Amino acid sequence: MQQLLSTDQIITYDYDPVQDMLYILFEPVTGATFYDDVPDMPGIMRRYSMGDERMVGITVHDVKGRLSADILQNKAIRQLVQTLVEQLG
């Protein structure tokens, strides 16, 4: 799915319900990448391009545990994406 952020940035995200993981990409990734855990945010990792070490995405574990139970899942995931990109992007 694509989402337009309040910063006019377009990102792509995909939720895998089987693994309960959310993948957020700021741009298409074609080469090797590496991850870095985000301090004080267990289960959230920044994804970097191996070539120039720029941040290209965010990976989130245990998504269901982070969602608000009182709104629809798709809307809750979009809100989670927006919040994480604003905090980490």
N, C-alpha and C. Protein backbone atom coordinates (compact mmCIF):
# COMPACT_ATOMS: atom_id res chain seq x y z
N MET A 1 0.85 -1.17 0.00
CA MET A 1 0.00 0.00 0.00
C MET A 1 0.90 1.24 0.00
N GLN A 2 0.39 2.31 -0.57
CA GLN A 2 1.10 3.58 -0.53
C GLN A 2 0.35 4.54 0.37
N GLN A 3 1.10 5.46 0.96
CA GLN A 3 0.49 6.43 1.85
C GLN A 3 1.20 7.76 1.67
N LEU A 4 0.41 8.81 1.55
CA LEU A 4 0.94 10.17 1.49
C LEU A 4 1.00 10.71 2.91
N LEU A 5 2.17 11.13 3.33
CA LEU A 5 2.35 11.63 4.68
C LEU A 5 2.09 13.13 4.75
N SER A 6 1.98 13.64 5.95
CA SER A 6 1.75 15.08 6.13
C SER A 6 2.92 15.91 5.60
N THR A 7 4.07 15.27 5.41
CA THR A 7 5.25 15.96 4.87
C THR A 7 5.29 15.92 3.35
N ASP A 8 4.20 15.45 2.72
CA ASP A 8 4.10 15.27 1.27
C ASP A 8 5.03 14.17 0.73
N GLN A 9 5.55 13.34 1.60
CA GLN A 9 6.37 12.21 1.22
C GLN A 9 5.46 11.01 0.97
N ILE A 10 5.72 10.27 -0.09
CA ILE A 10 4.96 9.06 -0.37
C ILE A 10 5.83 7.87 0.03
N ILE A 11 5.28 7.01 0.87
CA ILE A 11 5.98 5.81 1.30
C ILE A 11 5.14 4.59 0.92
N THR A 12 5.77 3.43 0.95
CA THR A 12 5.10 2.18 0.68
C THR A 12 5.19 1.33 1.93
N TYR A 13 4.10 0.65 2.27
CA TYR A 13 4.16 -0.25 3.42
C TYR A 13 3.39 -1.52 3.10
N ASP A 14 3.77 -2.59 3.81
CA ASP A 14 3.12 -3.88 3.63
C ASP A 14 3.04 -4.56 4.99
N TYR A 15 1.86 -5.02 5.34
CA TYR A 15 1.67 -5.75 6.58
C TYR A 15 1.55 -7.23 6.30
N ASP A 16 2.35 -8.05 6.96
CA ASP A 16 2.30 -9.50 6.83
C ASP A 16 1.59 -10.05 8.06
N PRO A 17 0.29 -10.42 7.93
CA PRO A 17 -0.47 -10.87 9.09
C PRO A 17 0.01 -12.21 9.66
N VAL A 18 0.61 -13.05 8.83
CA VAL A 18 1.09 -14.35 9.30
C VAL A 18 2.26 -14.16 10.28
N GLN A 19 3.20 -13.29 9.90
CA GLN A 19 4.35 -13.03 10.76
C GLN A 19 4.11 -11.85 11.70
N ASP A 20 2.98 -11.15 11.51
CA ASP A 20 2.64 -9.97 12.30
C ASP A 20 3.75 -8.93 12.23
N MET A 21 4.20 -8.65 10.97
CA MET A 21 5.27 -7.69 10.75
C MET A 21 4.83 -6.63 9.75
N LEU A 22 5.32 -5.42 9.96
CA LEU A 22 5.03 -4.29 9.08
C LEU A 22 6.33 -3.81 8.47
N TYR A 23 6.32 -3.68 7.14
CA TYR A 23 7.49 -3.22 6.41
C TYR A 23 7.16 -1.86 5.80
N ILE A 24 7.92 -0.83 6.16
CA ILE A 24 7.72 0.52 5.65
C ILE A 24 8.94 0.87 4.81
N LEU A 25 8.72 1.29 3.56
CA LEU A 25 9.83 1.68 2.68
C LEU A 25 9.65 3.12 2.23
N PHE A 26 10.73 3.88 2.32
CA PHE A 26 10.72 5.27 1.86
C PHE A 26 11.00 5.37 0.37
N GLU A 27 11.60 4.32 -0.20
CA GLU A 27 11.94 4.26 -1.62
C GLU A 27 12.13 2.80 -1.99
N PRO A 28 12.07 2.48 -3.28
CA PRO A 28 12.32 1.09 -3.69
C PRO A 28 13.76 0.69 -3.32
N VAL A 29 13.91 -0.52 -2.83
CA VAL A 29 15.24 -1.01 -2.42
C VAL A 29 15.63 -2.14 -3.36
N THR A 30 16.79 -1.99 -4.00
CA THR A 30 17.25 -3.01 -4.94
C THR A 30 18.53 -3.69 -4.49
N GLY A 31 19.31 -3.06 -3.65
CA GLY A 31 20.57 -3.65 -3.21
C GLY A 31 20.49 -4.19 -1.79
N ALA A 32 21.66 -4.50 -1.27
CA ALA A 32 21.75 -5.04 0.08
C ALA A 32 21.40 -3.98 1.12
N THR A 33 20.84 -4.43 2.24
CA THR A 33 20.48 -3.53 3.33
C THR A 33 20.95 -4.13 4.66
N PHE A 34 20.96 -3.30 5.69
CA PHE A 34 21.23 -3.78 7.04
C PHE A 34 20.28 -3.07 7.99
N TYR A 35 20.13 -3.63 9.19
CA TYR A 35 19.17 -3.13 10.16
C TYR A 35 19.88 -2.64 11.42
N ASP A 36 19.19 -1.74 12.12
CA ASP A 36 19.67 -1.21 13.39
C ASP A 36 18.47 -1.12 14.32
N ASP A 37 18.54 -1.77 15.49
CA ASP A 37 17.45 -1.67 16.47
C ASP A 37 17.30 -0.24 16.95
N VAL A 38 16.05 0.19 17.16
CA VAL A 38 15.78 1.53 17.67
C VAL A 38 15.79 1.46 19.20
N PRO A 39 16.69 2.22 19.85
CA PRO A 39 16.73 2.20 21.31
C PRO A 39 15.38 2.61 21.90
N ASP A 40 14.99 1.99 22.98
CA ASP A 40 13.74 2.29 23.70
C ASP A 40 12.48 2.01 22.90
N MET A 41 12.60 1.30 21.77
CA MET A 41 11.44 0.91 20.97
C MET A 41 11.60 -0.56 20.57
N PRO A 42 11.38 -1.48 21.52
CA PRO A 42 11.58 -2.91 21.23
C PRO A 42 10.77 -3.37 20.02
N GLY A 43 11.43 -4.17 19.17
CA GLY A 43 10.75 -4.73 18.01
C GLY A 43 10.68 -3.80 16.81
N ILE A 44 11.33 -2.64 16.88
CA ILE A 44 11.34 -1.70 15.76
C ILE A 44 12.78 -1.52 15.31
N MET A 45 12.98 -1.67 13.99
CA MET A 45 14.32 -1.56 13.42
C MET A 45 14.32 -0.58 12.25
N ARG A 46 15.35 0.23 12.15
CA ARG A 46 15.57 1.07 10.97
C ARG A 46 16.31 0.22 9.94
N ARG A 47 15.97 0.42 8.68
CA ARG A 47 16.61 -0.31 7.58
C ARG A 47 17.44 0.67 6.76
N TYR A 48 18.69 0.31 6.49
CA TYR A 48 19.62 1.20 5.79
C TYR A 48 20.15 0.55 4.52
N SER A 49 20.45 1.38 3.52
CA SER A 49 21.09 0.93 2.30
C SER A 49 22.56 0.62 2.62
N MET A 50 23.04 -0.53 2.18
CA MET A 50 24.42 -0.93 2.45
C MET A 50 25.40 0.00 1.74
N GLY A 51 25.06 0.46 0.55
CA GLY A 51 25.99 1.26 -0.24
C GLY A 51 26.31 2.61 0.35
N ASP A 52 25.28 3.37 0.73
CA ASP A 52 25.54 4.73 1.22
C ASP A 52 25.00 4.98 2.63
N GLU A 53 24.50 3.93 3.27
CA GLU A 53 24.03 3.96 4.65
C GLU A 53 22.89 4.94 4.93
N ARG A 54 22.08 5.27 3.91
CA ARG A 54 20.92 6.13 4.15
C ARG A 54 19.75 5.25 4.59
N MET A 55 18.89 5.80 5.43
CA MET A 55 17.75 5.04 5.92
C MET A 55 16.73 4.90 4.80
N VAL A 56 16.35 3.66 4.51
CA VAL A 56 15.40 3.39 3.43
C VAL A 56 14.08 2.81 3.92
N GLY A 57 14.00 2.50 5.23
CA GLY A 57 12.76 1.94 5.73
C GLY A 57 12.78 1.64 7.21
N ILE A 58 11.66 1.09 7.65
CA ILE A 58 11.46 0.70 9.04
C ILE A 58 10.75 -0.66 9.04
N THR A 59 11.17 -1.56 9.91
CA THR A 59 10.52 -2.85 10.08
C THR A 59 9.99 -2.94 11.50
N VAL A 60 8.75 -3.40 11.64
CA VAL A 60 8.09 -3.44 12.95
C VAL A 60 7.61 -4.87 13.23
N HIS A 61 8.00 -5.42 14.37
CA HIS A 61 7.53 -6.72 14.85
C HIS A 61 6.34 -6.51 15.78
N ASP A 62 5.51 -7.53 15.98
CA ASP A 62 4.39 -7.50 16.92
C ASP A 62 3.46 -6.31 16.66
N VAL A 63 3.00 -6.21 15.43
CA VAL A 63 2.16 -5.08 15.02
C VAL A 63 0.82 -5.09 15.75
N LYS A 64 0.18 -6.23 15.86
CA LYS A 64 -1.14 -6.29 16.50
C LYS A 64 -1.11 -5.75 17.92
N GLY A 65 0.00 -5.96 18.62
CA GLY A 65 0.14 -5.46 19.98
C GLY A 65 0.31 -3.95 20.06
N ARG A 66 0.55 -3.30 18.92
CA ARG A 66 0.76 -1.86 18.86
C ARG A 66 -0.46 -1.09 18.35
N LEU A 67 -1.48 -1.82 17.89
CA LEU A 67 -2.63 -1.18 17.27
C LEU A 67 -3.72 -0.89 18.30
N SER A 68 -4.43 0.19 18.05
CA SER A 68 -5.58 0.53 18.87
C SER A 68 -6.71 -0.44 18.54
N ALA A 69 -7.29 -1.04 19.54
CA ALA A 69 -8.33 -2.04 19.33
C ALA A 69 -9.67 -1.44 18.94
N ASP A 70 -9.85 -0.15 19.14
CA ASP A 70 -11.17 0.45 18.90
C ASP A 70 -11.35 1.01 17.49
N ILE A 71 -10.37 0.82 16.59
CA ILE A 71 -10.54 1.27 15.20
C ILE A 71 -10.20 0.12 14.26
N LEU A 72 -10.63 0.23 13.02
CA LEU A 72 -10.38 -0.82 12.03
C LEU A 72 -8.89 -1.04 11.83
N GLN A 73 -8.52 -2.29 11.57
CA GLN A 73 -7.11 -2.65 11.45
C GLN A 73 -6.38 -1.83 10.39
N ASN A 74 -6.97 -1.68 9.19
CA ASN A 74 -6.29 -0.93 8.13
C ASN A 74 -6.02 0.51 8.53
N LYS A 75 -6.99 1.14 9.17
CA LYS A 75 -6.81 2.52 9.61
C LYS A 75 -5.77 2.58 10.73
N ALA A 76 -5.78 1.62 11.62
CA ALA A 76 -4.81 1.59 12.72
C ALA A 76 -3.39 1.42 12.18
N ILE A 77 -3.23 0.57 11.16
CA ILE A 77 -1.90 0.38 10.55
C ILE A 77 -1.44 1.66 9.89
N ARG A 78 -2.33 2.35 9.16
CA ARG A 78 -1.95 3.63 8.54
C ARG A 78 -1.51 4.64 9.59
N GLN A 79 -2.21 4.69 10.71
CA GLN A 79 -1.84 5.62 11.79
C GLN A 79 -0.49 5.24 12.39
N LEU A 80 -0.24 3.94 12.56
CA LEU A 80 1.05 3.47 13.07
C LEU A 80 2.17 3.85 12.12
N VAL A 81 1.96 3.66 10.82
CA VAL A 81 2.95 4.04 9.82
C VAL A 81 3.27 5.53 9.94
N GLN A 82 2.24 6.35 9.96
CA GLN A 82 2.43 7.81 10.05
C GLN A 82 3.23 8.18 11.30
N THR A 83 2.88 7.61 12.43
CA THR A 83 3.56 7.93 13.69
C THR A 83 5.02 7.52 13.66
N LEU A 84 5.31 6.30 13.18
CA LEU A 84 6.69 5.82 13.15
C LEU A 84 7.56 6.62 12.19
N VAL A 85 7.02 6.95 11.03
CA VAL A 85 7.80 7.74 10.07
C VAL A 85 8.09 9.13 10.62
N GLU A 86 7.12 9.73 11.29
CA GLU A 86 7.35 11.04 11.89
C GLU A 86 8.41 10.97 12.99
N GLN A 87 8.40 9.90 13.78
CA GLN A 87 9.36 9.77 14.87
C GLN A 87 10.75 9.37 14.41
N LEU A 88 10.83 8.51 13.39
CA LEU A 88 12.10 7.91 13.02
C LEU A 88 12.63 8.32 11.64
N GLY A 89 11.76 8.82 10.79
CA GLY A 89 12.13 9.09 9.40
C GLY A 89 12.97 10.28 9.16
